[in-house]
Amino acid sequence: LPAAAAFGASVGAERIRTLLELRRPAGEVDVPEPAPGVVVRTFVPGQDDAAWLRVNAEAFATHPEQGAWTQQDLAERMAEPWFDPAGFFLAERDGELLAFHWTKIAEPHTGEVYVVGVSPRAQGLGLGRLMTAVGLEHLNRSGVREITLFVDGENRTAVSLYRSLGFDDHHADAQWRTR
């Protein structure tokens, strides 16, 4: 908000991070064809944990929270009442995990793009769009009315992808640091 920016400037603070909440109504989405050899399936707890943690760390190597997840972090999320492996999608080629989309339905009528990640080794295969669309299709079939997500405002690639899939700005939070 302008008042927050003015206050930050008055105390010598700088904005270091912006977290955007984007939303879209549920509805049809075009799911692209996977790249040759890429297969999409759902997550199997216990079987896919290590591979997912590895790709999550690769995809979010510079993210202050997401890239540092441990087995305990994953286990805690899987113990949540909203966890549903049927809404946790993996993209593989030749048995190697390349990308994922974990969806979440924690509130009635609202689905969430919880986390989408693509291994840097698989960049350029269109997996971000594919996996996001697969998850949106799942959320649509689940009967939600609205879909939300949170994304770092500085992640221009992700923000552009989400906006191209019909997401609009809903809310923004800023993190500030004094110099």
C-alpha atoms as a PDB file:
ATOM      1  CA  LEU A   1       0.000   0.000   0.000  1.00  0.00           C
ATOM      2  CA  PRO A   2       1.213   3.538  -0.607  1.00  0.00           C
ATOM      3  CA  ALA A   3       1.145   4.345   3.110  1.00  0.00           C
ATOM      4  CA  ALA A   4       3.364   1.343   3.885  1.00  0.00           C
ATOM      5  CA  ALA A   5       5.796   2.342   1.134  1.00  0.00           C
ATOM      6  CA  ALA A   6       5.940   5.906   2.462  1.00  0.00           C
ATOM      7  CA  PHE A   7       6.493   4.693   6.019  1.00  0.00           C
ATOM      8  CA  GLY A   8       9.220   2.277   4.850  1.00  0.00           C
ATOM      9  CA  ALA A   9      11.002   5.074   3.013  1.00  0.00           C
ATOM     10  CA  SER A  10      10.712   7.368   6.039  1.00  0.00           C
ATOM     11  CA  VAL A  11      12.535   4.862   8.279  1.00  0.00           C
ATOM     12  CA  GLY A  12      15.118   3.877   5.672  1.00  0.00           C
ATOM     13  CA  ALA A  13      13.629   0.483   4.872  1.00  0.00           C
ATOM     14  CA  GLU A  14      13.657  -1.202   1.498  1.00  0.00           C
ATOM     15  CA  ARG A  15      11.152  -3.680   0.118  1.00  0.00           C
ATOM     16  CA  ILE A  16      12.967  -6.980  -0.361  1.00  0.00           C
ATOM     17  CA  ARG A  17      10.124  -9.321  -1.256  1.00  0.00           C
ATOM     18  CA  THR A  18       6.570  -9.144  -2.523  1.00  0.00           C
ATOM     19  CA  LEU A  19       4.201 -12.066  -2.100  1.00  0.00           C
ATOM     20  CA  LEU A  20       1.264 -11.953  -4.497  1.00  0.00           C
ATOM     21  CA  GLU A  21      -2.001 -13.777  -4.041  1.00  0.00           C
ATOM     22  CA  LEU A  22      -3.565 -14.427  -7.435  1.00  0.00           C
ATOM     23  CA  ARG A  23      -7.048 -15.844  -8.023  1.00  0.00           C
ATOM     24  CA  ARG A  24      -9.205 -17.097 -10.861  1.00  0.00           C
ATOM     25  CA  PRO A  25     -12.653 -18.597 -11.088  1.00  0.00           C
ATOM     26  CA  ALA A  26     -12.774 -22.339 -11.574  1.00  0.00           C
ATOM     27  CA  GLY A  27     -13.434 -23.319 -15.144  1.00  0.00           C
ATOM     28  CA  GLU A  28     -12.046 -25.031 -18.171  1.00  0.00           C
ATOM     29  CA  VAL A  29      -8.352 -24.963 -18.871  1.00  0.00           C
ATOM     30  CA  ASP A  30      -6.453 -26.256 -21.888  1.00  0.00           C
ATOM     31  CA  VAL A  31      -4.056 -29.012 -20.854  1.00  0.00           C
ATOM     32  CA  PRO A  32      -1.156 -29.162 -23.319  1.00  0.00           C
ATOM     33  CA  GLU A  33       0.264 -32.423 -24.592  1.00  0.00           C
ATOM     34  CA  PRO A  34       3.325 -33.524 -22.616  1.00  0.00           C
ATOM     35  CA  ALA A  35       6.736 -33.427 -24.270  1.00  0.00           C
ATOM     36  CA  PRO A  36       7.730 -36.766 -25.844  1.00  0.00           C
ATOM     37  CA  GLY A  37       8.328 -39.435 -23.218  1.00  0.00           C
ATOM     38  CA  VAL A  38       6.867 -37.390 -20.352  1.00  0.00           C
ATOM     39  CA  VAL A  39       4.261 -39.195 -18.243  1.00  0.00           C
ATOM     40  CA  VAL A  40       2.089 -37.533 -15.583  1.00  0.00           C
ATOM     41  CA  ARG A  41       0.961 -39.535 -12.562  1.00  0.00           C
ATOM     42  CA  THR A  42       0.005 -38.937  -8.948  1.00  0.00           C
ATOM     43  CA  PHE A  43       2.342 -38.906  -5.965  1.00  0.00           C
ATOM     44  CA  VAL A  44       2.727 -42.091  -3.917  1.00  0.00           C
ATOM     45  CA  PRO A  45       3.568 -41.307  -0.263  1.00  0.00           C
ATOM     46  CA  GLY A  46       6.629 -43.193   0.941  1.00  0.00           C
ATOM     47  CA  GLN A  47       7.656 -44.114  -2.605  1.00  0.00           C
ATOM     48  CA  ASP A  48       8.121 -40.636  -4.090  1.00  0.00           C
ATOM     49  CA  ASP A  49       9.244 -38.650  -1.044  1.00  0.00           C
ATOM     50  CA  ALA A  50      13.008 -38.595  -1.718  1.00  0.00           C
ATOM     51  CA  ALA A  51      12.685 -37.813  -5.432  1.00  0.00           C
ATOM     52  CA  TRP A  52      10.176 -35.055  -4.710  1.00  0.00           C
ATOM     53  CA  LEU A  53      12.372 -33.500  -2.012  1.00  0.00           C
ATOM     54  CA  ARG A  54      15.321 -33.510  -4.444  1.00  0.00           C
ATOM     55  CA  VAL A  55      13.400 -31.830  -7.286  1.00  0.00           C
ATOM     56  CA  ASN A  56      11.743 -29.393  -4.875  1.00  0.00           C
ATOM     57  CA  ALA A  57      15.208 -28.361  -3.594  1.00  0.00           C
ATOM     58  CA  GLU A  58      16.490 -27.960  -7.170  1.00  0.00           C
ATOM     59  CA  ALA A  59      13.469 -26.002  -8.361  1.00  0.00           C
ATOM     60  CA  PHE A  60      13.508 -23.687  -5.335  1.00  0.00           C
ATOM     61  CA  ALA A  61      17.256 -23.466  -4.698  1.00  0.00           C
ATOM     62  CA  THR A  62      17.059 -19.688  -4.178  1.00  0.00           C
ATOM     63  CA  HIS A  63      13.697 -19.587  -2.386  1.00  0.00           C
ATOM     64  CA  PRO A  64      14.055 -18.669   1.299  1.00  0.00           C
ATOM     65  CA  GLU A  65      11.641 -21.334   2.587  1.00  0.00           C
ATOM     66  CA  GLN A  66      10.460 -23.789  -0.055  1.00  0.00           C
ATOM     67  CA  GLY A  67      13.888 -24.989  -1.190  1.00  0.00           C
ATOM     68  CA  ALA A  68      14.937 -26.119   2.290  1.00  0.00           C
ATOM     69  CA  TRP A  69      12.149 -28.626   2.916  1.00  0.00           C
ATOM     70  CA  THR A  70      13.105 -31.811   4.736  1.00  0.00           C
ATOM     71  CA  GLN A  71      11.407 -35.181   5.084  1.00  0.00           C
ATOM     72  CA  GLN A  72       9.873 -33.880   8.312  1.00  0.00           C
ATOM     73  CA  ASP A  73       8.389 -30.845   6.503  1.00  0.00           C
ATOM     74  CA  LEU A  74       6.899 -33.137   3.880  1.00  0.00           C
ATOM     75  CA  ALA A  75       5.554 -35.555   6.517  1.00  0.00           C
ATOM     76  CA  GLU A  76       3.927 -32.672   8.411  1.00  0.00           C
ATOM     77  CA  ARG A  77       2.113 -31.496   5.258  1.00  0.00           C
ATOM     78  CA  MET A  78       1.025 -35.035   4.403  1.00  0.00           C
ATOM     79  CA  ALA A  79      -0.451 -35.332   7.923  1.00  0.00           C
ATOM     80  CA  GLU A  80      -2.668 -32.285   7.346  1.00  0.00           C
ATOM     81  CA  PRO A  81      -6.388 -32.984   6.861  1.00  0.00           C
ATOM     82  CA  TRP A  82      -6.299 -31.306   3.431  1.00  0.00           C
ATOM     83  CA  PHE A  83      -3.568 -33.602   2.050  1.00  0.00           C
ATOM     84  CA  ASP A  84      -4.787 -35.720  -0.861  1.00  0.00           C
ATOM     85  CA  PRO A  85      -2.258 -37.612  -3.012  1.00  0.00           C
ATOM     86  CA  ALA A  86      -4.871 -37.633  -5.818  1.00  0.00           C
ATOM     87  CA  GLY A  87      -4.197 -33.879  -6.146  1.00  0.00           C
ATOM     88  CA  PHE A  88      -0.387 -34.155  -6.127  1.00  0.00           C
ATOM     89  CA  PHE A  89       0.921 -34.652  -9.665  1.00  0.00           C
ATOM     90  CA  LEU A  90       4.365 -35.697 -10.880  1.00  0.00           C
ATOM     91  CA  ALA A  91       5.858 -35.528 -14.382  1.00  0.00           C
ATOM     92  CA  GLU A  92       8.476 -38.146 -15.176  1.00  0.00           C
ATOM     93  CA  ARG A  93      10.524 -39.239 -18.141  1.00  0.00           C
ATOM     94  CA  ASP A  94      12.293 -42.592 -18.086  1.00  0.00           C
ATOM     95  CA  GLY A  95      11.511 -42.883 -14.374  1.00  0.00           C
ATOM     96  CA  GLU A  96      13.163 -39.549 -13.517  1.00  0.00           C
ATOM     97  CA  LEU A  97      11.050 -36.953 -11.733  1.00  0.00           C
ATOM     98  CA  LEU A  98      11.134 -33.679 -13.681  1.00  0.00           C
ATOM     99  CA  ALA A  99       8.276 -31.537 -12.328  1.00  0.00           C
ATOM    100  CA  PHE A 100       5.316 -31.498  -9.966  1.00  0.00           C
ATOM    101  CA  HIS A 101       2.126 -29.695  -9.004  1.00  0.00           C
ATOM    102  CA  TRP A 102       0.690 -30.132  -5.530  1.00  0.00           C
ATOM    103  CA  THR A 103      -2.873 -28.872  -5.170  1.00  0.00           C
ATOM    104  CA  LYS A 104      -4.745 -28.167  -1.981  1.00  0.00           C
ATOM    105  CA  ILE A 105      -8.377 -27.838  -0.956  1.00  0.00           C
ATOM    106  CA  ALA A 106      -8.441 -26.571   2.619  1.00  0.00           C
ATOM    107  CA  GLU A 107     -11.459 -24.267   2.415  1.00  0.00           C
ATOM    108  CA  PRO A 108     -14.893 -25.106   1.046  1.00  0.00           C
ATOM    109  CA  HIS A 109     -15.227 -24.112  -2.604  1.00  0.00           C
ATOM    110  CA  THR A 110     -11.624 -22.819  -2.887  1.00  0.00           C
ATOM    111  CA  GLY A 111      -8.771 -24.781  -4.414  1.00  0.00           C
ATOM    112  CA  GLU A 112      -5.136 -23.797  -4.243  1.00  0.00           C
ATOM    113  CA  VAL A 113      -2.144 -24.169  -6.486  1.00  0.00           C
ATOM    114  CA  TYR A 114      -0.068 -25.129  -3.457  1.00  0.00           C
ATOM    115  CA  VAL A 115       3.290 -25.543  -5.181  1.00  0.00           C
ATOM    116  CA  VAL A 116       4.496 -26.078  -8.752  1.00  0.00           C
ATOM    117  CA  GLY A 117       8.127 -26.915  -9.417  1.00  0.00           C
ATOM    118  CA  VAL A 118      10.249 -27.831 -12.419  1.00  0.00           C
ATOM    119  CA  SER A 119      13.761 -29.233 -12.193  1.00  0.00           C
ATOM    120  CA  PRO A 120      16.299 -26.910 -13.834  1.00  0.00           C
ATOM    121  CA  ARG A 121      17.342 -29.956 -15.904  1.00  0.00           C
ATOM    122  CA  ALA A 122      13.881 -29.977 -17.482  1.00  0.00           C
ATOM    123  CA  GLN A 123      13.491 -26.280 -18.269  1.00  0.00           C
ATOM    124  CA  GLY A 124      12.171 -25.591 -21.752  1.00  0.00           C
ATOM    125  CA  LEU A 125       9.910 -28.657 -21.958  1.00  0.00           C
ATOM    126  CA  GLY A 126       6.737 -26.702 -21.134  1.00  0.00           C
ATOM    127  CA  LEU A 127       6.332 -28.551 -17.855  1.00  0.00           C
ATOM    128  CA  GLY A 128       5.364 -25.494 -15.799  1.00  0.00           C
ATOM    129  CA  ARG A 129       2.315 -24.879 -17.998  1.00  0.00           C
ATOM    130  CA  LEU A 130       1.525 -28.600 -18.296  1.00  0.00           C
ATOM    131  CA  MET A 131       1.676 -29.288 -14.583  1.00  0.00           C
ATOM    132  CA  THR A 132      -0.237 -26.146 -13.625  1.00  0.00           C
ATOM    133  CA  ALA A 133      -2.981 -27.026 -16.108  1.00  0.00           C
ATOM    134  CA  VAL A 134      -3.166 -30.635 -14.873  1.00  0.00           C
ATOM    135  CA  GLY A 135      -3.661 -29.392 -11.320  1.00  0.00           C
ATOM    136  CA  LEU A 136      -6.242 -26.797 -12.374  1.00  0.00           C
ATOM    137  CA  GLU A 137      -8.173 -29.501 -14.210  1.00  0.00           C
ATOM    138  CA  HIS A 138      -8.141 -31.632 -11.038  1.00  0.00           C
ATOM    139  CA  LEU A 139      -9.364 -28.704  -8.923  1.00  0.00           C
ATOM    140  CA  ASN A 140     -12.134 -27.991 -11.438  1.00  0.00           C
ATOM    141  CA  ARG A 141     -13.292 -31.635 -11.262  1.00  0.00           C
ATOM    142  CA  SER A 142     -13.249 -31.376  -7.448  1.00  0.00           C
ATOM    143  CA  GLY A 143     -16.045 -28.821  -7.567  1.00  0.00           C
ATOM    144  CA  VAL A 144     -14.257 -25.728  -6.291  1.00  0.00           C
ATOM    145  CA  ARG A 145     -15.578 -22.340  -7.389  1.00  0.00           C
ATOM    146  CA  GLU A 146     -12.349 -20.384  -7.109  1.00  0.00           C
ATOM    147  CA  ILE A 147      -8.649 -21.185  -7.318  1.00  0.00           C
ATOM    148  CA  THR A 148      -5.949 -19.241  -5.512  1.00  0.00           C
ATOM    149  CA  LEU A 149      -2.169 -19.269  -5.378  1.00  0.00           C
ATOM    150  CA  PHE A 150       0.708 -17.413  -3.767  1.00  0.00           C
ATOM    151  CA  VAL A 151       3.800 -16.472  -5.755  1.00  0.00           C
ATOM    152  CA  ASP A 152       6.840 -14.274  -5.256  1.00  0.00           C
ATOM    153  CA  GLY A 153       6.206 -11.112  -7.230  1.00  0.00           C
ATOM    154  CA  GLU A 154       9.819 -11.157  -8.400  1.00  0.00           C
ATOM    155  CA  ASN A 155       9.309 -14.546 -10.101  1.00  0.00           C
ATOM    156  CA  ARG A 156       8.335 -12.986 -13.419  1.00  0.00           C
ATOM    157  CA  THR A 157       8.228 -16.301 -15.279  1.00  0.00           C
ATOM    158  CA  ALA A 158       5.735 -17.847 -12.850  1.00  0.00           C
ATOM    159  CA  VAL A 159       3.637 -14.673 -12.577  1.00  0.00           C
ATOM    160  CA  SER A 160       3.432 -14.465 -16.374  1.00  0.00           C
ATOM    161  CA  LEU A 161       2.424 -18.129 -16.637  1.00  0.00           C
ATOM    162  CA  TYR A 162      -0.284 -17.792 -14.000  1.00  0.00           C
ATOM    163  CA  ARG A 163      -1.698 -14.629 -15.563  1.00  0.00           C
ATOM    164  CA  SER A 164      -1.792 -16.360 -18.962  1.00  0.00           C
ATOM    165  CA  LEU A 165      -3.930 -19.066 -17.302  1.00  0.00           C
ATOM    166  CA  GLY A 166      -6.495 -16.513 -16.113  1.00  0.00           C
ATOM    167  CA  PHE A 167      -5.206 -15.583 -12.664  1.00  0.00           C
ATOM    168  CA  ASP A 168      -5.597 -11.959 -11.556  1.00  0.00           C
ATOM    169  CA  ASP A 169      -4.144  -9.990  -8.648  1.00  0.00           C
ATOM    170  CA  HIS A 170      -6.098 -10.378  -5.426  1.00  0.00           C
ATOM    171  CA  HIS A 171      -3.702  -9.265  -2.673  1.00  0.00           C
ATOM    172  CA  ALA A 172      -0.042  -8.385  -2.164  1.00  0.00           C
ATOM    173  CA  ASP A 173       2.150  -8.453   0.941  1.00  0.00           C
ATOM    174  CA  ALA A 174       5.586  -6.863   1.138  1.00  0.00           C
ATOM    175  CA  GLN A 175       8.542  -7.760   3.308  1.00  0.00           C
ATOM    176  CA  TRP A 176      10.774  -4.859   4.315  1.00  0.00           C
ATOM    177  CA  ARG A 177      14.303  -4.611   5.691  1.00  0.00           C
ATOM    178  CA  THR A 178      16.025  -1.637   7.242  1.00  0.00           C
ATOM    179  CA  ARG A 179      19.359  -0.715   5.760  1.00  0.00           C
END
